Amino acid sequence: MRVIYTIIIVLIMLFIITFSLANTVPIQIKYYHFIDVILPTYMLIFIFFLAGVIFTGFMGVVERFRLNRTIGRLNKTIKDLRRELRDSKKEQFVEEPNLSAGNE
């Protein structure tokens, strides 16, 4: 399994290197007077890819917190319903005095 993992990592690294070498054309990025930089094309693509990965990871963390809160609320509901069911079974087994048996 470790060999397959190493092969996959090497292939990904080769893809990154060849992609970088094929996209070295510089691009000038201007935003009014605040930003004025010149970056190679591959760097710009990698920066936006990394920003997407970070944003997706953040959204995953938010979703996990929301789901954990929902799970906690549902577990509390299950606990309450089990308690209710247990209490109702106890009430069923309480013997009531049989008034008709004493009249015979």
C-alpha atoms as a PDB file:
ATOM      1  CA  MET A   1       0.000   0.000   0.000  1.00  0.00           C
ATOM      2  CA  ARG A   2       2.875   2.326   0.800  1.00  0.00           C
ATOM      3  CA  VAL A   3       4.300   1.799  -2.715  1.00  0.00           C
ATOM      4  CA  ILE A   4       0.994   2.809  -4.326  1.00  0.00           C
ATOM      5  CA  TYR A   5       0.830   5.904  -2.105  1.00  0.00           C
ATOM      6  CA  THR A   6       4.390   6.863  -3.101  1.00  0.00           C
ATOM      7  CA  ILE A   7       3.609   6.373  -6.814  1.00  0.00           C
ATOM      8  CA  ILE A   8       0.510   8.587  -6.553  1.00  0.00           C
ATOM      9  CA  ILE A   9       2.484  11.328  -4.769  1.00  0.00           C
ATOM     10  CA  VAL A  10       5.243  11.176  -7.410  1.00  0.00           C
ATOM     11  CA  LEU A  11       2.671  11.441 -10.222  1.00  0.00           C
ATOM     12  CA  ILE A  12       1.012  14.444  -8.568  1.00  0.00           C
ATOM     13  CA  MET A  13       4.399  16.133  -8.121  1.00  0.00           C
ATOM     14  CA  LEU A  14       5.287  15.477 -11.782  1.00  0.00           C
ATOM     15  CA  PHE A  15       1.982  17.010 -12.840  1.00  0.00           C
ATOM     16  CA  ILE A  16       2.627  20.111 -10.719  1.00  0.00           C
ATOM     17  CA  ILE A  17       6.163  20.515 -12.070  1.00  0.00           C
ATOM     18  CA  THR A  18       5.170  20.080 -15.732  1.00  0.00           C
ATOM     19  CA  PHE A  19       2.171  22.382 -15.287  1.00  0.00           C
ATOM     20  CA  SER A  20       4.403  25.035 -13.752  1.00  0.00           C
ATOM     21  CA  LEU A  21       6.971  24.781 -16.539  1.00  0.00           C
ATOM     22  CA  ALA A  22       4.317  25.029 -19.240  1.00  0.00           C
ATOM     23  CA  ASN A  23       2.640  28.132 -17.740  1.00  0.00           C
ATOM     24  CA  THR A  24       5.414  30.616 -16.990  1.00  0.00           C
ATOM     25  CA  VAL A  25       3.961  33.595 -18.875  1.00  0.00           C
ATOM     26  CA  PRO A  26       3.912  36.600 -16.515  1.00  0.00           C
ATOM     27  CA  ILE A  27       0.590  38.266 -15.818  1.00  0.00           C
ATOM     28  CA  GLN A  28       0.278  41.761 -14.381  1.00  0.00           C
ATOM     29  CA  ILE A  29      -2.451  42.157 -11.784  1.00  0.00           C
ATOM     30  CA  LYS A  30      -3.664  45.680 -11.043  1.00  0.00           C
ATOM     31  CA  TYR A  31      -6.403  46.848  -8.722  1.00  0.00           C
ATOM     32  CA  TYR A  32      -6.520  50.630  -8.744  1.00  0.00           C
ATOM     33  CA  HIS A  33      -3.493  51.806  -6.753  1.00  0.00           C
ATOM     34  CA  PHE A  34      -3.684  49.153  -4.054  1.00  0.00           C
ATOM     35  CA  ILE A  35      -2.305  46.124  -5.877  1.00  0.00           C
ATOM     36  CA  ASP A  36       0.205  46.073  -8.717  1.00  0.00           C
ATOM     37  CA  VAL A  37       2.047  42.742  -9.009  1.00  0.00           C
ATOM     38  CA  ILE A  38       3.418  40.569 -11.776  1.00  0.00           C
ATOM     39  CA  LEU A  39       3.023  36.816 -11.257  1.00  0.00           C
ATOM     40  CA  PRO A  40       3.600  33.792 -13.463  1.00  0.00           C
ATOM     41  CA  THR A  41       0.376  32.156 -14.627  1.00  0.00           C
ATOM     42  CA  TYR A  42       0.967  28.952 -12.667  1.00  0.00           C
ATOM     43  CA  MET A  43       1.442  30.916  -9.427  1.00  0.00           C
ATOM     44  CA  LEU A  44      -1.845  32.719  -9.896  1.00  0.00           C
ATOM     45  CA  ILE A  45      -3.662  29.431 -10.555  1.00  0.00           C
ATOM     46  CA  PHE A  46      -2.063  27.780  -7.503  1.00  0.00           C
ATOM     47  CA  ILE A  47      -2.985  30.726  -5.274  1.00  0.00           C
ATOM     48  CA  PHE A  48      -6.629  30.544  -6.308  1.00  0.00           C
ATOM     49  CA  PHE A  49      -6.612  26.749  -5.977  1.00  0.00           C
ATOM     50  CA  LEU A  50      -5.253  27.078  -2.435  1.00  0.00           C
ATOM     51  CA  ALA A  51      -7.865  29.741  -1.631  1.00  0.00           C
ATOM     52  CA  GLY A  52     -10.570  27.341  -2.854  1.00  0.00           C
ATOM     53  CA  VAL A  53      -9.200  24.510  -0.713  1.00  0.00           C
ATOM     54  CA  ILE A  54      -9.139  26.746   2.363  1.00  0.00           C
ATOM     55  CA  PHE A  55     -12.673  28.029   1.717  1.00  0.00           C
ATOM     56  CA  THR A  56     -13.995  24.494   1.176  1.00  0.00           C
ATOM     57  CA  GLY A  57     -12.288  23.312   4.366  1.00  0.00           C
ATOM     58  CA  PHE A  58     -13.824  26.181   6.316  1.00  0.00           C
ATOM     59  CA  MET A  59     -17.276  25.330   4.959  1.00  0.00           C
ATOM     60  CA  GLY A  60     -16.703  21.697   5.959  1.00  0.00           C
ATOM     61  CA  VAL A  61     -15.833  22.731   9.524  1.00  0.00           C
ATOM     62  CA  VAL A  62     -18.972  24.883   9.733  1.00  0.00           C
ATOM     63  CA  GLU A  63     -21.104  22.004   8.430  1.00  0.00           C
ATOM     64  CA  ARG A  64     -19.526  19.601  10.949  1.00  0.00           C
ATOM     65  CA  PHE A  65     -20.356  21.942  13.859  1.00  0.00           C
ATOM     66  CA  ARG A  66     -23.930  22.270  12.612  1.00  0.00           C
ATOM     67  CA  LEU A  67     -24.302  18.495  12.289  1.00  0.00           C
ATOM     68  CA  ASN A  68     -22.798  17.898  15.753  1.00  0.00           C
ATOM     69  CA  ARG A  69     -25.315  20.319  17.239  1.00  0.00           C
ATOM     70  CA  THR A  70     -28.153  18.509  15.433  1.00  0.00           C
ATOM     71  CA  ILE A  71     -26.869  15.126  16.623  1.00  0.00           C
ATOM     72  CA  GLY A  72     -26.729  16.375  20.216  1.00  0.00           C
ATOM     73  CA  ARG A  73     -30.284  17.682  20.006  1.00  0.00           C
ATOM     74  CA  LEU A  74     -31.533  14.392  18.512  1.00  0.00           C
ATOM     75  CA  ASN A  75     -29.702  12.338  21.151  1.00  0.00           C
ATOM     76  CA  LYS A  76     -31.403  14.413  23.848  1.00  0.00           C
ATOM     77  CA  THR A  77     -34.779  13.783  22.189  1.00  0.00           C
ATOM     78  CA  ILE A  78     -34.060  10.037  22.074  1.00  0.00           C
ATOM     79  CA  LYS A  79     -33.072  10.062  25.744  1.00  0.00           C
ATOM     80  CA  ASP A  80     -36.277  11.892  26.693  1.00  0.00           C
ATOM     81  CA  LEU A  81     -38.437   9.522  24.631  1.00  0.00           C
ATOM     82  CA  ARG A  82     -36.778   6.461  26.162  1.00  0.00           C
ATOM     83  CA  ARG A  83     -37.385   7.881  29.639  1.00  0.00           C
ATOM     84  CA  GLU A  84     -41.022   8.533  28.717  1.00  0.00           C
ATOM     85  CA  LEU A  85     -41.414   4.981  27.366  1.00  0.00           C
ATOM     86  CA  ARG A  86     -39.822   3.476  30.485  1.00  0.00           C
ATOM     87  CA  ASP A  87     -42.136   5.515  32.740  1.00  0.00           C
ATOM     88  CA  SER A  88     -45.218   4.488  30.756  1.00  0.00           C
ATOM     89  CA  LYS A  89     -44.238   0.788  31.031  1.00  0.00           C
ATOM     90  CA  LYS A  90     -43.864   1.153  34.800  1.00  0.00           C
ATOM     91  CA  GLU A  91     -47.360   2.613  34.996  1.00  0.00           C
ATOM     92  CA  GLN A  92     -48.779  -0.337  33.052  1.00  0.00           C
ATOM     93  CA  PHE A  93     -47.347  -2.880  35.475  1.00  0.00           C
ATOM     94  CA  VAL A  94     -48.666  -1.206  38.602  1.00  0.00           C
ATOM     95  CA  GLU A  95     -51.396  -3.526  39.861  1.00  0.00           C
ATOM     96  CA  GLU A  96     -54.719  -1.910  40.374  1.00  0.00           C
ATOM     97  CA  PRO A  97     -56.996  -3.395  43.032  1.00  0.00           C
ATOM     98  CA  ASN A  98     -59.612  -5.685  41.504  1.00  0.00           C
ATOM     99  CA  LEU A  99     -62.890  -4.531  43.065  1.00  0.00           C
ATOM    100  CA  SER A 100     -64.989  -7.197  41.377  1.00  0.00           C
ATOM    101  CA  ALA A 101     -62.982 -10.056  42.957  1.00  0.00           C
ATOM    102  CA  GLY A 102     -63.838  -8.910  46.477  1.00  0.00           C
ATOM    103  CA  ASN A 103     -67.617  -8.942  45.821  1.00  0.00           C
ATOM    104  CA  GLU A 104     -67.840 -12.694  45.167  1.00  0.00           C
END
